[in-house]
């Protein structure tokens, strides 16, 4: 048995969220190595320590994304990229002046 950060049992096919980055994905494999439980998430194809993910409920999966592209999942990585793009703009007080 593999348990998440809130001590809920994780099964194959469950959806989990990696708490550090918000990555959401379906659990496609599980293993225990050196007394540490691991889950493999389909979206990234990476292994995560089970105590660093949280099991998602069905209601958590039905949230709409910020862009209405028909995808029911919020893509955290895409939002981070957009934030970085926005932060690259430079504000300058001399760009526009009043007409008075």
N, C-alpha and C. Protein backbone atom coordinates (compact mmCIF):
# COMPACT_ATOMS: atom_id res chain seq x y z
N UNK A 1 0.83 -1.19 0.00
CA UNK A 1 0.00 0.00 0.00
C UNK A 1 0.87 1.25 0.00
N UNK A 2 0.45 2.22 -0.79
CA UNK A 2 1.17 3.49 -0.91
C UNK A 2 0.23 4.59 -0.44
N UNK A 3 0.77 5.52 0.37
CA UNK A 3 -0.05 6.59 0.95
C UNK A 3 0.50 7.95 0.55
N UNK A 4 -0.41 8.93 0.44
CA UNK A 4 -0.02 10.28 0.04
C UNK A 4 0.37 11.12 1.26
N UNK A 5 0.54 12.42 1.05
CA UNK A 5 0.95 13.34 2.10
C UNK A 5 -0.08 13.44 3.23
N UNK A 6 -1.34 13.13 2.94
CA UNK A 6 -2.40 13.19 3.95
C UNK A 6 -2.79 11.80 4.44
N UNK A 7 -1.92 10.82 4.19
CA UNK A 7 -2.13 9.42 4.59
C UNK A 7 -3.36 8.78 3.97
N UNK A 8 -3.71 9.20 2.77
CA UNK A 8 -4.77 8.55 2.00
C UNK A 8 -4.12 7.55 1.07
N UNK A 9 -4.76 6.40 0.92
CA UNK A 9 -4.21 5.34 0.08
C UNK A 9 -4.31 5.71 -1.40
N UNK A 10 -3.21 5.53 -2.13
CA UNK A 10 -3.16 5.79 -3.57
C UNK A 10 -3.25 4.47 -4.31
N UNK A 11 -4.05 4.43 -5.37
CA UNK A 11 -4.17 3.25 -6.22
C UNK A 11 -3.82 3.64 -7.65
N UNK A 12 -3.46 2.65 -8.45
CA UNK A 12 -3.21 2.90 -9.87
C UNK A 12 -4.45 3.53 -10.50
N UNK A 13 -4.25 4.52 -11.34
CA UNK A 13 -5.36 5.20 -11.99
C UNK A 13 -5.86 6.42 -11.24
N UNK A 14 -5.47 6.57 -9.96
CA UNK A 14 -5.85 7.78 -9.21
C UNK A 14 -5.11 8.97 -9.78
N UNK A 15 -5.69 10.15 -9.60
CA UNK A 15 -5.02 11.38 -9.98
C UNK A 15 -4.45 12.02 -8.72
N UNK A 16 -3.22 12.52 -8.84
CA UNK A 16 -2.54 13.15 -7.71
C UNK A 16 -1.96 14.49 -8.15
N UNK A 17 -1.65 15.31 -7.16
CA UNK A 17 -0.99 16.60 -7.39
C UNK A 17 0.31 16.60 -6.62
N UNK A 18 1.41 16.92 -7.29
CA UNK A 18 2.71 17.07 -6.63
C UNK A 18 2.68 18.41 -5.92
N UNK A 19 2.83 18.39 -4.59
CA UNK A 19 2.60 19.59 -3.79
C UNK A 19 3.60 20.71 -4.06
N UNK A 20 4.82 20.40 -4.46
CA UNK A 20 5.82 21.44 -4.68
C UNK A 20 5.58 22.28 -5.93
N UNK A 21 5.11 21.68 -7.00
CA UNK A 21 4.93 22.40 -8.26
C UNK A 21 3.48 22.48 -8.73
N UNK A 22 2.59 21.68 -8.15
CA UNK A 22 1.21 21.67 -8.58
C UNK A 22 0.95 20.78 -9.78
N UNK A 23 1.94 20.02 -10.22
CA UNK A 23 1.77 19.12 -11.35
C UNK A 23 0.71 18.08 -11.02
N UNK A 24 -0.24 17.92 -11.93
CA UNK A 24 -1.34 16.98 -11.75
C UNK A 24 -1.22 15.88 -12.79
N UNK A 25 -1.44 14.64 -12.38
CA UNK A 25 -1.39 13.55 -13.33
C UNK A 25 -1.94 12.26 -12.77
N UNK A 26 -2.12 11.31 -13.65
CA UNK A 26 -2.64 9.99 -13.28
C UNK A 26 -1.47 9.09 -12.86
N UNK A 27 -1.69 8.34 -11.78
CA UNK A 27 -0.68 7.40 -11.30
C UNK A 27 -0.69 6.18 -12.22
N UNK A 28 0.47 5.93 -12.88
CA UNK A 28 0.55 4.80 -13.81
C UNK A 28 1.42 3.67 -13.28
N UNK A 29 2.15 3.91 -12.19
CA UNK A 29 2.98 2.86 -11.60
C UNK A 29 3.32 3.25 -10.17
N UNK A 30 3.65 2.26 -9.36
CA UNK A 30 4.03 2.48 -7.97
C UNK A 30 5.13 1.50 -7.62
N UNK A 31 6.00 1.92 -6.70
CA UNK A 31 7.04 1.02 -6.23
C UNK A 31 7.49 1.46 -4.84
N UNK A 32 8.14 0.53 -4.14
CA UNK A 32 8.77 0.82 -2.86
C UNK A 32 10.23 0.44 -2.96
N UNK A 33 11.11 1.39 -2.63
CA UNK A 33 12.54 1.14 -2.69
C UNK A 33 13.18 1.76 -1.45
N UNK A 34 13.95 0.94 -0.72
CA UNK A 34 14.60 1.39 0.51
C UNK A 34 13.60 1.99 1.49
N UNK A 35 12.45 1.33 1.64
CA UNK A 35 11.37 1.75 2.54
C UNK A 35 10.75 3.10 2.19
N UNK A 36 10.92 3.56 0.95
CA UNK A 36 10.30 4.80 0.49
C UNK A 36 9.35 4.45 -0.65
N UNK A 37 8.10 4.91 -0.54
CA UNK A 37 7.09 4.66 -1.58
C UNK A 37 7.17 5.73 -2.66
N UNK A 38 7.03 5.29 -3.91
CA UNK A 38 7.11 6.16 -5.07
C UNK A 38 5.90 5.94 -5.96
N UNK A 39 5.45 7.01 -6.64
CA UNK A 39 4.41 6.91 -7.66
C UNK A 39 4.92 7.54 -8.94
N UNK A 40 4.55 6.96 -10.07
CA UNK A 40 4.94 7.50 -11.37
C UNK A 40 3.71 8.18 -11.97
N UNK A 41 3.89 9.44 -12.38
CA UNK A 41 2.78 10.23 -12.91
C UNK A 41 2.86 10.25 -14.44
N UNK A 42 1.74 9.97 -15.06
CA UNK A 42 1.66 9.82 -16.52
C UNK A 42 2.04 11.09 -17.25
N UNK A 43 1.63 12.25 -16.77
CA UNK A 43 1.86 13.51 -17.48
C UNK A 43 3.35 13.80 -17.69
N UNK A 44 4.14 13.56 -16.65
CA UNK A 44 5.57 13.88 -16.74
C UNK A 44 6.44 12.64 -16.95
N UNK A 45 5.85 11.46 -16.71
CA UNK A 45 6.58 10.19 -16.79
C UNK A 45 7.75 10.16 -15.79
N UNK A 46 7.57 10.84 -14.65
CA UNK A 46 8.58 10.91 -13.60
C UNK A 46 8.07 10.25 -12.33
N UNK A 47 9.02 9.83 -11.48
CA UNK A 47 8.70 9.23 -10.19
C UNK A 47 8.69 10.32 -9.11
N UNK A 48 7.70 10.26 -8.22
CA UNK A 48 7.55 11.21 -7.12
C UNK A 48 7.40 10.43 -5.82
N UNK A 49 8.01 10.92 -4.75
CA UNK A 49 7.80 10.30 -3.44
C UNK A 49 6.33 10.45 -3.09
N UNK A 50 5.73 9.36 -2.67
CA UNK A 50 4.29 9.37 -2.41
C UNK A 50 3.90 10.36 -1.32
N UNK A 51 4.79 10.62 -0.38
CA UNK A 51 4.49 11.55 0.71
C UNK A 51 4.57 13.01 0.25
N UNK A 52 4.94 13.24 -1.02
CA UNK A 52 5.00 14.60 -1.55
C UNK A 52 3.91 14.86 -2.59
N UNK A 53 2.95 13.93 -2.70
CA UNK A 53 1.79 14.13 -3.57
C UNK A 53 0.53 14.04 -2.73
N UNK A 54 -0.54 14.63 -3.26
CA UNK A 54 -1.83 14.50 -2.58
C UNK A 54 -2.86 13.95 -3.55
N UNK A 55 -3.64 13.03 -3.05
CA UNK A 55 -4.69 12.39 -3.83
C UNK A 55 -5.77 13.41 -4.14
N UNK A 56 -6.23 13.46 -5.38
CA UNK A 56 -7.26 14.40 -5.79
C UNK A 56 -8.61 13.71 -5.84
N UNK A 57 -9.63 14.45 -5.46
CA UNK A 57 -11.01 13.98 -5.56
C UNK A 57 -11.53 14.27 -6.96
N UNK A 58 -12.63 13.66 -7.31
CA UNK A 58 -13.24 13.88 -8.63
C UNK A 58 -13.58 15.35 -8.82
N UNK A 59 -14.02 16.04 -7.78
CA UNK A 59 -14.38 17.45 -7.90
C UNK A 59 -13.16 18.31 -8.21
N UNK A 60 -11.98 17.91 -7.73
CA UNK A 60 -10.75 18.65 -8.02
C UNK A 60 -10.38 18.56 -9.50
N UNK A 61 -10.75 17.47 -10.15
CA UNK A 61 -10.40 17.27 -11.56
C UNK A 61 -11.32 18.00 -12.51
N UNK A 62 -12.47 18.48 -12.05
CA UNK A 62 -13.45 19.11 -12.92
C UNK A 62 -13.31 20.62 -12.99
N UNK A 63 -12.27 21.19 -12.36
CA UNK A 63 -12.05 22.63 -12.44
C UNK A 63 -11.65 23.00 -13.86
N UNK A 64 -12.14 24.13 -14.32
CA UNK A 64 -11.83 24.59 -15.67
C UNK A 64 -10.48 25.29 -15.68
N UNK A 65 -9.83 25.21 -16.80
CA UNK A 65 -8.54 25.89 -16.95
C UNK A 65 -8.79 27.38 -17.15
N UNK A 66 -7.74 28.19 -17.04
CA UNK A 66 -7.88 29.62 -17.23
C UNK A 66 -8.15 29.96 -18.69
N UNK A 67 -7.69 29.15 -19.58
CA UNK A 67 -8.01 29.31 -20.98
C UNK A 67 -9.03 28.24 -21.33
N UNK A 68 -10.11 28.61 -21.95
CA UNK A 68 -11.16 27.66 -22.26
C UNK A 68 -10.81 26.94 -23.56
N UNK A 69 -9.94 25.94 -23.43
CA UNK A 69 -9.52 25.18 -24.61
C UNK A 69 -10.14 23.79 -24.62
N UNK A 70 -11.12 23.57 -23.74
CA UNK A 70 -11.77 22.27 -23.68
C UNK A 70 -11.07 21.29 -22.76
N UNK A 71 -9.90 21.62 -22.28
CA UNK A 71 -9.13 20.76 -21.37
C UNK A 71 -9.63 21.01 -19.96
N UNK A 72 -9.94 19.96 -19.22
CA UNK A 72 -10.48 20.10 -17.88
C UNK A 72 -9.42 20.28 -16.81
N UNK A 73 -8.15 20.13 -17.14
CA UNK A 73 -7.09 20.26 -16.15
C UNK A 73 -6.42 21.61 -16.28
N UNK A 74 -5.98 22.14 -15.15
CA UNK A 74 -5.21 23.37 -15.14
C UNK A 74 -3.75 22.98 -15.33
N UNK A 75 -3.11 23.56 -16.34
CA UNK A 75 -1.72 23.25 -16.62
C UNK A 75 -0.85 24.28 -15.90
N UNK A 76 -0.33 23.88 -14.75
CA UNK A 76 0.47 24.77 -13.91
C UNK A 76 1.70 25.24 -14.66
N UNK A 77 2.36 24.36 -15.41
CA UNK A 77 3.57 24.73 -16.14
C UNK A 77 3.27 25.83 -17.16
N UNK A 78 2.13 25.76 -17.82
CA UNK A 78 1.74 26.77 -18.79
C UNK A 78 1.50 28.11 -18.09
N UNK A 79 0.88 28.07 -16.92
CA UNK A 79 0.65 29.31 -16.18
C UNK A 79 1.96 29.94 -15.73
N UNK A 80 2.91 29.11 -15.32
CA UNK A 80 4.23 29.63 -14.93
C UNK A 80 4.91 30.31 -16.11
N UNK A 81 4.82 29.70 -17.30
CA UNK A 81 5.42 30.30 -18.49
C UNK A 81 4.79 31.65 -18.79
N UNK A 82 3.48 31.74 -18.65
CA UNK A 82 2.79 33.01 -18.91
C UNK A 82 3.21 34.07 -17.90
N UNK A 83 3.40 33.65 -16.65
CA UNK A 83 3.84 34.58 -15.61
C UNK A 83 5.22 35.10 -15.93
N UNK A 84 6.12 34.23 -16.37
CA UNK A 84 7.47 34.66 -16.73
C UNK A 84 7.45 35.62 -17.91
N UNK A 85 6.58 35.36 -18.89
CA UNK A 85 6.44 36.27 -20.03
C UNK A 85 5.98 37.65 -19.56
N UNK A 86 5.02 37.67 -18.66
CA UNK A 86 4.49 38.93 -18.14
C UNK A 86 5.55 39.67 -17.35
N UNK A 87 6.35 38.97 -16.56
CA UNK A 87 7.38 39.60 -15.75
C UNK A 87 8.50 40.19 -16.60
N UNK A 88 8.65 39.75 -17.84
CA UNK A 88 9.73 40.24 -18.69
C UNK A 88 9.45 41.64 -19.23
N UNK A 89 8.20 42.12 -19.13
CA UNK A 89 7.89 43.47 -19.56
C UNK A 89 8.49 44.46 -18.57
N UNK A 90 9.01 45.55 -19.09
CA UNK A 90 9.62 46.55 -18.23
C UNK A 90 8.72 47.78 -18.17
N UNK A 91 8.48 48.22 -16.96
CA UNK A 91 7.66 49.41 -16.75
C UNK A 91 8.58 50.62 -16.73
N UNK A 92 8.15 51.71 -17.37
CA UNK A 92 8.94 52.93 -17.42
C UNK A 92 8.00 54.11 -17.26
N UNK A 93 8.29 54.99 -16.35
CA UNK A 93 7.39 56.11 -16.08
C UNK A 93 7.47 57.19 -17.15
N UNK A 94 8.48 57.17 -18.01
CA UNK A 94 8.62 58.22 -19.02
C UNK A 94 7.97 57.84 -20.35
N UNK A 95 7.30 56.74 -20.40
CA UNK A 95 6.72 56.28 -21.67
C UNK A 95 5.55 57.16 -22.09
N UNK A 96 4.66 57.48 -21.19
CA UNK A 96 3.50 58.29 -21.54
C UNK A 96 3.44 59.49 -20.59
N UNK A 97 3.11 60.64 -21.16
CA UNK A 97 3.03 61.85 -20.35
C UNK A 97 1.65 62.46 -20.52
N UNK A 98 1.24 63.12 -19.49
CA UNK A 98 -0.07 63.78 -19.53
C UNK A 98 -0.11 64.92 -20.52
N UNK A 99 -1.28 65.30 -20.94
CA UNK A 99 -1.43 66.35 -21.95
C UNK A 99 -1.51 67.76 -21.35
N UNK A 100 -1.33 67.92 -20.06
CA UNK A 100 -1.54 69.22 -19.42
C UNK A 100 -0.41 70.06 -19.21
